[in-house]
Amino acid sequence: MQGITGASVYKRFHTMCNGANLAYEKKVFYEVGGFKGIDNIASGDDMLLMHKIYERYPERVVYLKSKDAIVQTLPMGTFSSFFNQRIRWASKADKYDDKRIFLVLLLVYFFNLWFIVLFLFGIYNLKYLILLFVLLVAKTIIELLLLFPVAKFFSKQKLLWWFPVAQPFHILYIIIAGWLGKFGTYKWKERKVQ
């Protein structure tokens, strides 16, 4: 996610952020009205605030690529809390004023869904399983090429050995979390959110 965030901010395509790695001047917070207008949304205040700031100061929103600026947070303690966090993140997909972000997320969702469709068709016709395998290998190689410099920057290269093994699970996770983010519920801060 940090790799995508850094690249998207650099290319001025869209801005992503998370609260642990976000900094802004207090006066800018007040200039854009703080959380007003986004305070009714259960999650996503960090990104939605960044979008308000980006609208006012598009040239001043940058990604600080510095090892001295890395902020580490603890991972979720259980699979359930991890999945609830991801569903919560997915739930804000249609809340952005910049609809380009929603379109990118939708494209990613349907791209991953296509792998499941190919698998289901492959049950009846081997050529779809072959196509699925070729696309899965291509997707994994391309993503590894994109991930390597990010993993190197964060000193996490050893984790890349697990990436090909995790790829099918990641595809399922994108599909399930994306669906539940839009149509399901999740738990956050000891409360259930619709």
N, C-alpha and C. Protein backbone atom coordinates (compact mmCIF):
# COMPACT_ATOMS: atom_id res chain seq x y z
N MET A 1 0.83 -1.20 0.00
CA MET A 1 0.00 0.00 0.00
C MET A 1 0.87 1.26 0.00
N GLN A 2 1.97 1.23 0.74
CA GLN A 2 2.83 2.41 0.75
C GLN A 2 3.48 2.64 -0.62
N GLY A 3 3.80 1.57 -1.32
CA GLY A 3 4.35 1.72 -2.66
C GLY A 3 3.36 2.37 -3.61
N ILE A 4 2.11 1.91 -3.55
CA ILE A 4 1.06 2.49 -4.39
C ILE A 4 0.82 3.94 -4.00
N THR A 5 0.82 4.20 -2.70
CA THR A 5 0.62 5.56 -2.21
C THR A 5 1.71 6.49 -2.73
N GLY A 6 2.95 6.09 -2.55
CA GLY A 6 4.07 6.92 -3.00
C GLY A 6 4.04 7.17 -4.50
N ALA A 7 3.78 6.13 -5.27
CA ALA A 7 3.75 6.26 -6.73
C ALA A 7 2.59 7.13 -7.19
N SER A 8 1.42 6.94 -6.59
CA SER A 8 0.26 7.71 -7.03
C SER A 8 0.39 9.20 -6.68
N VAL A 9 0.97 9.50 -5.52
CA VAL A 9 1.19 10.90 -5.16
C VAL A 9 2.24 11.51 -6.09
N TYR A 10 3.30 10.77 -6.35
CA TYR A 10 4.36 11.25 -7.24
C TYR A 10 3.83 11.56 -8.64
N LYS A 11 2.96 10.69 -9.15
CA LYS A 11 2.41 10.85 -10.49
C LYS A 11 1.19 11.77 -10.52
N ARG A 12 0.77 12.26 -9.36
CA ARG A 12 -0.38 13.16 -9.24
C ARG A 12 -1.66 12.54 -9.80
N PHE A 13 -1.72 11.19 -9.72
CA PHE A 13 -2.92 10.52 -10.20
C PHE A 13 -4.02 10.59 -9.15
N HIS A 14 -3.72 10.19 -7.98
CA HIS A 14 -4.63 10.36 -6.84
C HIS A 14 -3.80 10.25 -5.58
N THR A 15 -4.34 10.76 -4.50
CA THR A 15 -3.59 10.73 -3.26
C THR A 15 -4.18 9.68 -2.34
N MET A 16 -3.30 8.94 -1.74
CA MET A 16 -3.67 7.98 -0.71
C MET A 16 -2.81 8.29 0.50
N CYS A 17 -3.28 7.87 1.64
CA CYS A 17 -2.51 8.06 2.85
C CYS A 17 -3.11 7.19 3.95
N ASN A 18 -2.43 7.14 5.06
CA ASN A 18 -3.04 6.56 6.26
C ASN A 18 -2.64 7.42 7.43
N GLY A 19 -3.45 7.38 8.46
CA GLY A 19 -3.27 8.28 9.59
C GLY A 19 -1.92 8.17 10.26
N ALA A 20 -1.32 6.98 10.26
CA ALA A 20 -0.03 6.79 10.92
C ALA A 20 1.10 7.51 10.18
N ASN A 21 0.93 7.74 8.90
CA ASN A 21 1.98 8.34 8.08
C ASN A 21 1.54 9.64 7.43
N LEU A 22 0.75 10.42 8.15
CA LEU A 22 0.16 11.62 7.59
C LEU A 22 0.57 12.83 8.45
N ALA A 23 1.00 13.88 7.79
CA ALA A 23 1.34 15.11 8.50
C ALA A 23 0.83 16.30 7.70
N TYR A 24 0.33 17.30 8.43
CA TYR A 24 -0.16 18.51 7.78
C TYR A 24 -0.08 19.63 8.81
N GLU A 25 -0.07 20.86 8.31
CA GLU A 25 -0.02 22.01 9.20
C GLU A 25 -1.39 22.25 9.82
N LYS A 26 -1.39 22.67 11.06
CA LYS A 26 -2.64 22.92 11.79
C LYS A 26 -3.50 23.96 11.07
N LYS A 27 -2.86 25.01 10.54
CA LYS A 27 -3.63 26.06 9.87
C LYS A 27 -4.32 25.53 8.61
N VAL A 28 -3.69 24.57 7.91
CA VAL A 28 -4.30 23.98 6.72
C VAL A 28 -5.51 23.14 7.12
N PHE A 29 -5.40 22.44 8.23
CA PHE A 29 -6.52 21.66 8.75
C PHE A 29 -7.75 22.56 8.93
N TYR A 30 -7.53 23.73 9.53
CA TYR A 30 -8.64 24.66 9.75
C TYR A 30 -9.10 25.33 8.45
N GLU A 31 -8.17 25.60 7.54
CA GLU A 31 -8.53 26.22 6.26
C GLU A 31 -9.51 25.37 5.46
N VAL A 32 -9.33 24.04 5.51
CA VAL A 32 -10.20 23.15 4.72
C VAL A 32 -11.42 22.70 5.52
N GLY A 33 -11.58 23.24 6.73
CA GLY A 33 -12.75 22.89 7.53
C GLY A 33 -12.59 21.61 8.33
N GLY A 34 -11.34 21.16 8.51
CA GLY A 34 -11.10 19.97 9.31
C GLY A 34 -11.89 18.77 8.79
N PHE A 35 -12.54 18.09 9.71
CA PHE A 35 -13.30 16.89 9.35
C PHE A 35 -14.76 17.19 9.00
N LYS A 36 -15.09 18.47 8.93
CA LYS A 36 -16.48 18.84 8.60
C LYS A 36 -16.83 18.29 7.21
N GLY A 37 -17.97 17.66 7.14
CA GLY A 37 -18.42 17.08 5.88
C GLY A 37 -18.01 15.64 5.70
N ILE A 38 -17.03 15.19 6.49
CA ILE A 38 -16.61 13.78 6.42
C ILE A 38 -16.74 13.12 7.78
N ASP A 39 -17.25 13.86 8.76
CA ASP A 39 -17.33 13.34 10.12
C ASP A 39 -18.49 12.37 10.32
N ASN A 40 -19.32 12.20 9.31
CA ASN A 40 -20.42 11.25 9.40
C ASN A 40 -20.03 9.87 8.87
N ILE A 41 -18.81 9.74 8.38
CA ILE A 41 -18.32 8.49 7.82
C ILE A 41 -17.49 7.79 8.88
N ALA A 42 -17.79 6.51 9.11
CA ALA A 42 -17.17 5.78 10.22
C ALA A 42 -15.66 5.60 10.06
N SER A 43 -15.18 5.58 8.85
CA SER A 43 -13.77 5.33 8.62
C SER A 43 -13.31 6.13 7.42
N GLY A 44 -12.02 6.38 7.34
CA GLY A 44 -11.48 7.06 6.17
C GLY A 44 -11.22 8.52 6.36
N ASP A 45 -11.34 9.01 7.60
CA ASP A 45 -11.14 10.44 7.84
C ASP A 45 -9.76 10.91 7.39
N ASP A 46 -8.75 10.03 7.50
CA ASP A 46 -7.41 10.42 7.09
C ASP A 46 -7.34 10.70 5.59
N MET A 47 -7.83 9.76 4.78
CA MET A 47 -7.78 9.96 3.32
C MET A 47 -8.73 11.05 2.85
N LEU A 48 -9.89 11.09 3.46
CA LEU A 48 -10.87 12.11 3.04
C LEU A 48 -10.37 13.51 3.40
N LEU A 49 -9.71 13.65 4.54
CA LEU A 49 -9.09 14.93 4.89
C LEU A 49 -7.98 15.27 3.89
N MET A 50 -7.17 14.27 3.54
CA MET A 50 -6.09 14.52 2.58
C MET A 50 -6.66 14.98 1.24
N HIS A 51 -7.81 14.45 0.85
CA HIS A 51 -8.42 14.89 -0.40
C HIS A 51 -8.90 16.34 -0.32
N LYS A 52 -9.40 16.73 0.84
CA LYS A 52 -9.79 18.13 1.01
C LYS A 52 -8.57 19.04 0.90
N ILE A 53 -7.48 18.61 1.51
CA ILE A 53 -6.24 19.40 1.44
C ILE A 53 -5.71 19.42 0.00
N TYR A 54 -5.78 18.28 -0.67
CA TYR A 54 -5.29 18.19 -2.05
C TYR A 54 -6.07 19.11 -2.99
N GLU A 55 -7.36 19.24 -2.75
CA GLU A 55 -8.17 20.13 -3.58
C GLU A 55 -7.70 21.57 -3.47
N ARG A 56 -7.28 21.97 -2.28
CA ARG A 56 -6.84 23.34 -2.06
C ARG A 56 -5.37 23.54 -2.44
N TYR A 57 -4.53 22.55 -2.14
CA TYR A 57 -3.09 22.66 -2.37
C TYR A 57 -2.56 21.46 -3.14
N PRO A 58 -2.95 21.28 -4.40
CA PRO A 58 -2.53 20.08 -5.13
C PRO A 58 -1.02 19.96 -5.32
N GLU A 59 -0.33 21.07 -5.41
CA GLU A 59 1.11 21.02 -5.64
C GLU A 59 1.91 20.81 -4.35
N ARG A 60 1.24 20.94 -3.21
CA ARG A 60 1.97 20.84 -1.94
C ARG A 60 1.78 19.51 -1.24
N VAL A 61 0.97 18.63 -1.81
CA VAL A 61 0.79 17.29 -1.24
C VAL A 61 1.88 16.40 -1.84
N VAL A 62 2.74 15.90 -0.98
CA VAL A 62 3.87 15.09 -1.43
C VAL A 62 4.00 13.84 -0.54
N TYR A 63 4.76 12.90 -1.04
CA TYR A 63 5.08 11.69 -0.30
C TYR A 63 6.54 11.80 0.11
N LEU A 64 6.81 11.74 1.39
CA LEU A 64 8.18 11.86 1.90
C LEU A 64 8.81 10.47 1.91
N LYS A 65 9.65 10.22 0.94
CA LYS A 65 10.33 8.92 0.86
C LYS A 65 11.66 9.04 1.59
N SER A 66 11.60 8.74 2.86
CA SER A 66 12.79 8.81 3.70
C SER A 66 12.69 7.74 4.78
N LYS A 67 13.76 7.00 4.96
CA LYS A 67 13.76 5.97 6.01
C LYS A 67 13.56 6.60 7.39
N ASP A 68 13.98 7.86 7.54
CA ASP A 68 13.82 8.54 8.82
C ASP A 68 12.36 8.89 9.11
N ALA A 69 11.51 8.85 8.09
CA ALA A 69 10.11 9.23 8.26
C ALA A 69 9.18 8.02 8.36
N ILE A 70 9.74 6.81 8.34
CA ILE A 70 8.91 5.61 8.41
C ILE A 70 8.27 5.51 9.79
N VAL A 71 6.96 5.34 9.79
CA VAL A 71 6.22 5.13 11.02
C VAL A 71 5.70 3.69 10.99
N GLN A 72 6.08 2.92 11.99
CA GLN A 72 5.62 1.53 12.04
C GLN A 72 4.46 1.42 13.01
N THR A 73 3.48 0.62 12.62
CA THR A 73 2.35 0.36 13.51
C THR A 73 2.25 -1.14 13.71
N LEU A 74 1.64 -1.53 14.80
CA LEU A 74 1.49 -2.95 15.08
C LEU A 74 0.44 -3.54 14.15
N PRO A 75 0.67 -4.77 13.70
CA PRO A 75 -0.35 -5.42 12.88
C PRO A 75 -1.55 -5.81 13.74
N MET A 76 -2.65 -6.11 13.10
CA MET A 76 -3.82 -6.59 13.82
C MET A 76 -3.47 -7.90 14.52
N GLY A 77 -3.99 -8.08 15.71
CA GLY A 77 -3.62 -9.24 16.53
C GLY A 77 -4.26 -10.55 16.12
N THR A 78 -5.40 -10.49 15.44
CA THR A 78 -6.10 -11.71 15.04
C THR A 78 -6.52 -11.59 13.58
N PHE A 79 -6.84 -12.74 12.99
CA PHE A 79 -7.31 -12.74 11.61
C PHE A 79 -8.62 -11.96 11.51
N SER A 80 -9.48 -12.11 12.49
CA SER A 80 -10.76 -11.42 12.49
C SER A 80 -10.58 -9.91 12.51
N SER A 81 -9.69 -9.42 13.38
CA SER A 81 -9.46 -7.97 13.44
C SER A 81 -8.78 -7.46 12.17
N PHE A 82 -7.88 -8.28 11.59
CA PHE A 82 -7.24 -7.92 10.31
C PHE A 82 -8.30 -7.76 9.23
N PHE A 83 -9.19 -8.74 9.14
CA PHE A 83 -10.20 -8.71 8.08
C PHE A 83 -11.19 -7.58 8.29
N ASN A 84 -11.57 -7.32 9.54
CA ASN A 84 -12.45 -6.20 9.83
C ASN A 84 -11.81 -4.88 9.42
N GLN A 85 -10.50 -4.76 9.66
CA GLN A 85 -9.78 -3.55 9.26
C GLN A 85 -9.84 -3.37 7.75
N ARG A 86 -9.63 -4.44 7.00
CA ARG A 86 -9.63 -4.35 5.54
C ARG A 86 -11.03 -4.06 5.00
N ILE A 87 -12.04 -4.63 5.61
CA ILE A 87 -13.42 -4.34 5.21
C ILE A 87 -13.71 -2.86 5.48
N ARG A 88 -13.24 -2.37 6.62
CA ARG A 88 -13.43 -0.96 6.96
C ARG A 88 -12.75 -0.08 5.92
N TRP A 89 -11.54 -0.43 5.53
CA TRP A 89 -10.84 0.34 4.50
C TRP A 89 -11.62 0.33 3.20
N ALA A 90 -12.14 -0.83 2.83
CA ALA A 90 -12.88 -0.95 1.56
C ALA A 90 -14.21 -0.20 1.61
N SER A 91 -14.74 0.00 2.80
CA SER A 91 -16.06 0.62 2.92
C SER A 91 -16.09 2.08 2.48
N LYS A 92 -14.94 2.72 2.41
CA LYS A 92 -14.92 4.14 2.04
C LYS A 92 -14.69 4.36 0.55
N ALA A 93 -14.65 3.27 -0.23
CA ALA A 93 -14.29 3.36 -1.64
C ALA A 93 -15.19 4.31 -2.43
N ASP A 94 -16.46 4.38 -2.11
CA ASP A 94 -17.36 5.25 -2.88
C ASP A 94 -17.59 6.61 -2.22
N LYS A 95 -16.78 6.95 -1.23
CA LYS A 95 -16.95 8.20 -0.50
C LYS A 95 -16.05 9.32 -1.01
N TYR A 96 -15.15 9.02 -1.93
CA TYR A 96 -14.20 10.02 -2.41
C TYR A 96 -14.85 10.94 -3.44
N ASP A 97 -14.59 12.23 -3.32
CA ASP A 97 -15.07 13.18 -4.33
C ASP A 97 -14.39 12.94 -5.67
N ASP A 98 -13.11 12.55 -5.60
CA ASP A 98 -12.35 12.25 -6.82
C ASP A 98 -12.74 10.85 -7.28
N LYS A 99 -13.61 10.77 -8.25
CA LYS A 99 -14.13 9.48 -8.69
C LYS A 99 -13.11 8.63 -9.42
N ARG A 100 -11.96 9.19 -9.76
CA ARG A 100 -10.91 8.39 -10.38
C ARG A 100 -10.46 7.29 -9.43
N ILE A 101 -10.41 7.59 -8.14
CA ILE A 101 -10.00 6.59 -7.16
C ILE A 101 -10.99 5.44 -7.15
N PHE A 102 -12.27 5.77 -7.13
CA PHE A 102 -13.29 4.73 -7.14
C PHE A 102 -13.17 3.86 -8.40
N LEU A 103 -12.93 4.49 -9.54
CA LEU A 103 -12.79 3.74 -10.78
C LEU A 103 -11.59 2.81 -10.75
N VAL A 104 -10.47 3.27 -10.19
CA VAL A 104 -9.29 2.41 -10.06
C VAL A 104 -9.60 1.23 -9.14
N LEU A 105 -10.24 1.51 -8.01
CA LEU A 105 -10.59 0.44 -7.09
C LEU A 105 -11.56 -0.56 -7.72
N LEU A 106 -12.50 -0.06 -8.49
CA LEU A 106 -13.44 -0.92 -9.19
C LEU A 106 -12.72 -1.80 -10.22
N LEU A 107 -11.80 -1.20 -10.94
CA LEU A 107 -11.01 -1.95 -11.92
C LEU A 107 -10.21 -3.06 -11.23
N VAL A 108 -9.56 -2.73 -10.13
CA VAL A 108 -8.79 -3.73 -9.37
C VAL A 108 -9.72 -4.85 -8.89
N TYR A 109 -10.90 -4.48 -8.41
CA TYR A 109 -11.85 -5.47 -7.91
C TYR A 109 -12.26 -6.44 -9.03
N PHE A 110 -12.68 -5.90 -10.17
CA PHE A 110 -13.14 -6.76 -11.27
C PHE A 110 -11.99 -7.53 -11.91
N PHE A 111 -10.80 -6.98 -11.90
CA PHE A 111 -9.64 -7.72 -12.40
C PHE A 111 -9.42 -8.96 -11.55
N ASN A 112 -9.49 -8.81 -10.24
CA ASN A 112 -9.31 -9.95 -9.35
C ASN A 112 -10.48 -10.92 -9.44
N LEU A 113 -11.68 -10.41 -9.61
CA LEU A 113 -12.86 -11.26 -9.76
C LEU A 113 -12.75 -12.12 -11.02
N TRP A 114 -12.08 -11.60 -12.04
CA TRP A 114 -11.91 -12.33 -13.28
C TRP A 114 -11.18 -13.66 -13.04
N PHE A 115 -10.26 -13.71 -12.08
CA PHE A 115 -9.54 -14.95 -11.78
C PHE A 115 -10.50 -16.02 -11.25
N ILE A 116 -11.47 -15.62 -10.46
CA ILE A 116 -12.46 -16.57 -9.95
C ILE A 116 -13.35 -17.06 -11.09
N VAL A 117 -13.74 -16.15 -11.97
CA VAL A 117 -14.57 -16.52 -13.12
C VAL A 117 -13.83 -17.53 -13.99
N LEU A 118 -12.55 -17.28 -14.25
CA LEU A 118 -11.75 -18.21 -15.05
C LEU A 118 -11.65 -19.57 -14.37
N PHE A 119 -11.49 -19.57 -13.06
CA PHE A 119 -11.42 -20.83 -12.31
C PHE A 119 -12.73 -21.61 -12.47
N LEU A 120 -13.85 -20.92 -12.32
CA LEU A 120 -15.16 -21.59 -12.45
C LEU A 120 -15.37 -22.13 -13.86
N PHE A 121 -15.00 -21.35 -14.88
CA PHE A 121 -15.10 -21.83 -16.26
C PHE A 121 -14.13 -22.99 -16.49
N GLY A 122 -13.00 -22.93 -15.80
CA GLY A 122 -11.99 -23.98 -15.94
C GLY A 122 -12.44 -25.34 -15.43
N ILE A 123 -13.43 -25.36 -14.56
CA ILE A 123 -13.97 -26.63 -14.07
C ILE A 123 -14.57 -27.41 -15.24
N TYR A 124 -15.10 -26.68 -16.23
CA TYR A 124 -15.77 -27.31 -17.37
C TYR A 124 -14.91 -27.35 -18.63
N ASN A 125 -13.86 -26.52 -18.66
CA ASN A 125 -13.04 -26.46 -19.86
C ASN A 125 -11.60 -26.13 -19.46
N LEU A 126 -10.71 -27.06 -19.76
CA LEU A 126 -9.31 -26.95 -19.36
C LEU A 126 -8.62 -25.70 -19.89
N LYS A 127 -9.04 -25.20 -21.05
CA LYS A 127 -8.36 -24.03 -21.63
C LYS A 127 -8.47 -22.80 -20.71
N TYR A 128 -9.57 -22.70 -19.93
CA TYR A 128 -9.72 -21.59 -19.00
C TYR A 128 -8.77 -21.72 -17.81
N LEU A 129 -8.51 -22.96 -17.39
CA LEU A 129 -7.53 -23.17 -16.31
C LEU A 129 -6.12 -22.81 -16.78
N ILE A 130 -5.82 -23.13 -18.03
CA ILE A 130 -4.51 -22.77 -18.59
C ILE A 130 -4.38 -21.25 -18.67
N LEU A 131 -5.44 -20.59 -19.16
CA LEU A 131 -5.44 -19.12 -19.22
C LEU A 131 -5.30 -18.53 -17.81
N LEU A 132 -6.00 -19.10 -16.85
CA LEU A 132 -5.92 -18.65 -15.46
C LEU A 132 -4.48 -18.76 -14.96
N PHE A 133 -3.83 -19.88 -15.22
CA PHE A 133 -2.46 -20.09 -14.76
C PHE A 133 -1.52 -19.07 -15.40
N VAL A 134 -1.65 -18.86 -16.70
CA VAL A 134 -0.77 -17.91 -17.41
C VAL A 134 -0.97 -16.49 -16.86
N LEU A 135 -2.22 -16.09 -16.68
CA LEU A 135 -2.49 -14.75 -16.15
C LEU A 135 -2.02 -14.60 -14.70
N LEU A 136 -2.17 -15.66 -13.92
CA LEU A 136 -1.72 -15.61 -12.53
C LEU A 136 -0.20 -15.48 -12.45
N VAL A 137 0.50 -16.21 -13.28
CA VAL A 137 1.97 -16.10 -13.32
C VAL A 137 2.38 -14.70 -13.78
N ALA A 138 1.73 -14.20 -14.83
CA ALA A 138 2.05 -12.85 -15.34
C ALA A 138 1.77 -11.79 -14.27
N LYS A 139 0.62 -11.89 -13.61
CA LYS A 139 0.26 -10.94 -12.55
C LYS A 139 1.29 -10.98 -11.42
N THR A 140 1.70 -12.17 -11.03
CA THR A 140 2.66 -12.32 -9.94
C THR A 140 4.01 -11.72 -10.31
N ILE A 141 4.48 -11.97 -11.52
CA ILE A 141 5.77 -11.43 -11.96
C ILE A 141 5.73 -9.90 -12.02
N ILE A 142 4.69 -9.37 -12.61
CA ILE A 142 4.58 -7.90 -12.72
C ILE A 142 4.52 -7.26 -11.34
N GLU A 143 3.72 -7.83 -10.45
CA GLU A 143 3.61 -7.26 -9.10
C GLU A 143 4.90 -7.41 -8.32
N LEU A 144 5.62 -8.51 -8.52
CA LEU A 144 6.92 -8.66 -7.85
C LEU A 144 7.91 -7.60 -8.32
N LEU A 145 7.88 -7.29 -9.62
CA LEU A 145 8.76 -6.24 -10.14
C LEU A 145 8.42 -4.88 -9.52
N LEU A 146 7.14 -4.64 -9.29
CA LEU A 146 6.72 -3.39 -8.64
C LEU A 146 7.02 -3.41 -7.14
N LEU A 147 6.89 -4.57 -6.53
CA LEU A 147 7.08 -4.67 -5.09
C LEU A 147 8.54 -4.67 -4.65
N PHE A 148 9.44 -5.15 -5.51
CA PHE A 148 10.83 -5.29 -5.07
C PHE A 148 11.44 -3.98 -4.57
N PRO A 149 11.35 -2.86 -5.31
CA PRO A 149 11.94 -1.62 -4.78
C PRO A 149 11.26 -1.15 -3.49
N VAL A 150 9.97 -1.41 -3.36
CA VAL A 150 9.26 -1.02 -2.14
C VAL A 150 9.75 -1.87 -0.97
N ALA A 151 9.82 -3.18 -1.20
CA ALA A 151 10.29 -4.09 -0.14
C ALA A 151 11.74 -3.76 0.24
N LYS A 152 12.54 -3.41 -0.74
CA LYS A 152 13.94 -3.05 -0.47
C LYS A 152 14.01 -1.78 0.38
N PHE A 153 13.19 -0.78 0.03
CA PHE A 153 13.19 0.46 0.80
C PHE A 153 12.82 0.21 2.26
N PHE A 154 11.84 -0.66 2.49
CA PHE A 154 11.39 -0.94 3.85
C PHE A 154 12.15 -2.12 4.49
N SER A 155 13.20 -2.60 3.82
CA SER A 155 14.01 -3.72 4.30
C SER A 155 13.16 -4.97 4.57
N LYS A 156 12.29 -5.30 3.63
CA LYS A 156 11.39 -6.45 3.78
C LYS A 156 11.52 -7.41 2.59
N GLN A 157 12.68 -7.44 1.94
CA GLN A 157 12.84 -8.27 0.75
C GLN A 157 12.56 -9.74 1.02
N LYS A 158 12.89 -10.23 2.21
CA LYS A 158 12.70 -11.65 2.51
C LYS A 158 11.23 -12.05 2.44
N LEU A 159 10.35 -11.12 2.69
CA LEU A 159 8.92 -11.43 2.63
C LEU A 159 8.44 -11.73 1.21
N LEU A 160 9.19 -11.26 0.22
CA LEU A 160 8.77 -11.47 -1.17
C LEU A 160 8.77 -12.94 -1.57
N TRP A 161 9.52 -13.77 -0.86
CA TRP A 161 9.49 -15.21 -1.15
C TRP A 161 8.10 -15.78 -0.93
N TRP A 162 7.34 -15.19 -0.04
CA TRP A 162 5.99 -15.66 0.25
C TRP A 162 4.95 -15.13 -0.74
N PHE A 163 5.31 -14.15 -1.51
CA PHE A 163 4.34 -13.48 -2.37
C PHE A 163 3.65 -14.43 -3.38
N PRO A 164 4.40 -15.25 -4.12
CA PRO A 164 3.71 -16.15 -5.06
C PRO A 164 2.74 -17.11 -4.35
N VAL A 165 3.10 -17.57 -3.18
CA VAL A 165 2.24 -18.48 -2.42
C VAL A 165 0.99 -17.75 -1.94
N ALA A 166 1.15 -16.50 -1.56
CA ALA A 166 0.03 -15.71 -1.02
C ALA A 166 -0.88 -15.14 -2.11
N GLN A 167 -0.44 -15.15 -3.36
CA GLN A 167 -1.20 -14.51 -4.44
C GLN A 167 -2.65 -14.99 -4.54
N PRO A 168 -2.93 -16.30 -4.55
CA PRO A 168 -4.34 -16.72 -4.62
C PRO A 168 -5.16 -16.24 -3.42
N PHE A 169 -4.56 -16.25 -2.25
CA PHE A 169 -5.27 -15.77 -1.05
C PHE A 169 -5.52 -14.27 -1.13
N HIS A 170 -4.57 -13.55 -1.71
CA HIS A 170 -4.72 -12.11 -1.86
C HIS A 170 -5.88 -11.78 -2.81
N ILE A 171 -6.00 -12.56 -3.86
CA ILE A 171 -7.10 -12.36 -4.81
C ILE A 171 -8.44 -12.57 -4.10
N LEU A 172 -8.55 -13.64 -3.33
CA LEU A 172 -9.79 -13.91 -2.58
C LEU A 172 -10.06 -12.81 -1.56
N TYR A 173 -9.00 -12.37 -0.91
CA TYR A 173 -9.13 -11.31 0.11
C TYR A 173 -9.65 -10.02 -0.51
N ILE A 174 -9.15 -9.66 -1.70
CA ILE A 174 -9.61 -8.44 -2.39
C ILE A 174 -11.10 -8.56 -2.71
N ILE A 175 -11.50 -9.70 -3.21
CA ILE A 175 -12.89 -9.91 -3.60
C ILE A 175 -13.82 -9.87 -2.38
N ILE A 176 -13.46 -10.61 -1.34
CA ILE A 176 -14.33 -10.70 -0.16
C ILE A 176 -14.38 -9.37 0.59
N ALA A 177 -13.21 -8.78 0.84
CA ALA A 177 -13.17 -7.51 1.58
C ALA A 177 -13.86 -6.40 0.79
N GLY A 178 -13.67 -6.38 -0.53
CA GLY A 178 -14.33 -5.37 -1.36
C GLY A 178 -15.84 -5.50 -1.32
N TRP A 179 -16.33 -6.72 -1.40
CA TRP A 179 -17.78 -6.96 -1.37
C TRP A 179 -18.36 -6.58 -0.01
N LEU A 180 -17.71 -7.07 1.05
CA LEU A 180 -18.23 -6.78 2.39
C LEU A 180 -18.08 -5.30 2.76
N GLY A 181 -17.06 -4.63 2.18
CA GLY A 181 -16.90 -3.20 2.41
C GLY A 181 -18.08 -2.41 1.88
N LYS A 182 -18.67 -2.89 0.81
CA LYS A 182 -19.81 -2.20 0.21
C LYS A 182 -21.15 -2.70 0.75
N PHE A 183 -21.26 -4.01 0.94
CA PHE A 183 -22.56 -4.59 1.27
C PHE A 183 -22.63 -5.27 2.64
N GLY A 184 -21.53 -5.31 3.36
CA GLY A 184 -21.52 -6.00 4.64
C GLY A 184 -21.37 -5.07 5.82
N THR A 185 -21.02 -5.64 6.94
CA THR A 185 -20.76 -4.89 8.17
C THR A 185 -19.37 -5.25 8.67
N TYR A 186 -18.87 -4.45 9.58
CA TYR A 186 -17.58 -4.73 10.19
C TYR A 186 -17.59 -4.21 11.62
N LYS A 187 -16.64 -4.69 12.40
CA LYS A 187 -16.49 -4.20 13.77
C LYS A 187 -15.28 -3.29 13.83
N TRP A 188 -15.47 -2.17 14.52
CA TRP A 188 -14.37 -1.21 14.68
C TRP A 188 -14.57 -0.47 15.98
N LYS A 189 -13.53 -0.45 16.78
CA LYS A 189 -13.56 0.22 18.08
C LYS A 189 -14.76 -0.25 18.91
N GLU A 190 -14.89 -1.58 18.96
CA GLU A 190 -15.92 -2.23 19.79
C GLU A 190 -17.34 -1.93 19.36
N ARG A 191 -17.53 -1.51 18.11
CA ARG A 191 -18.90 -1.30 17.64
C ARG A 191 -19.06 -1.87 16.24
N LYS A 192 -20.28 -2.26 15.94
CA LYS A 192 -20.59 -2.81 14.62
C LYS A 192 -21.04 -1.69 13.72
N VAL A 193 -20.44 -1.61 12.53
CA VAL A 193 -20.74 -0.53 11.59
C VAL A 193 -21.36 -1.13 10.34
N GLN A 194 -22.45 -0.50 9.86
CA GLN A 194 -23.14 -0.98 8.65
C GLN A 194 -22.58 -0.27 7.44
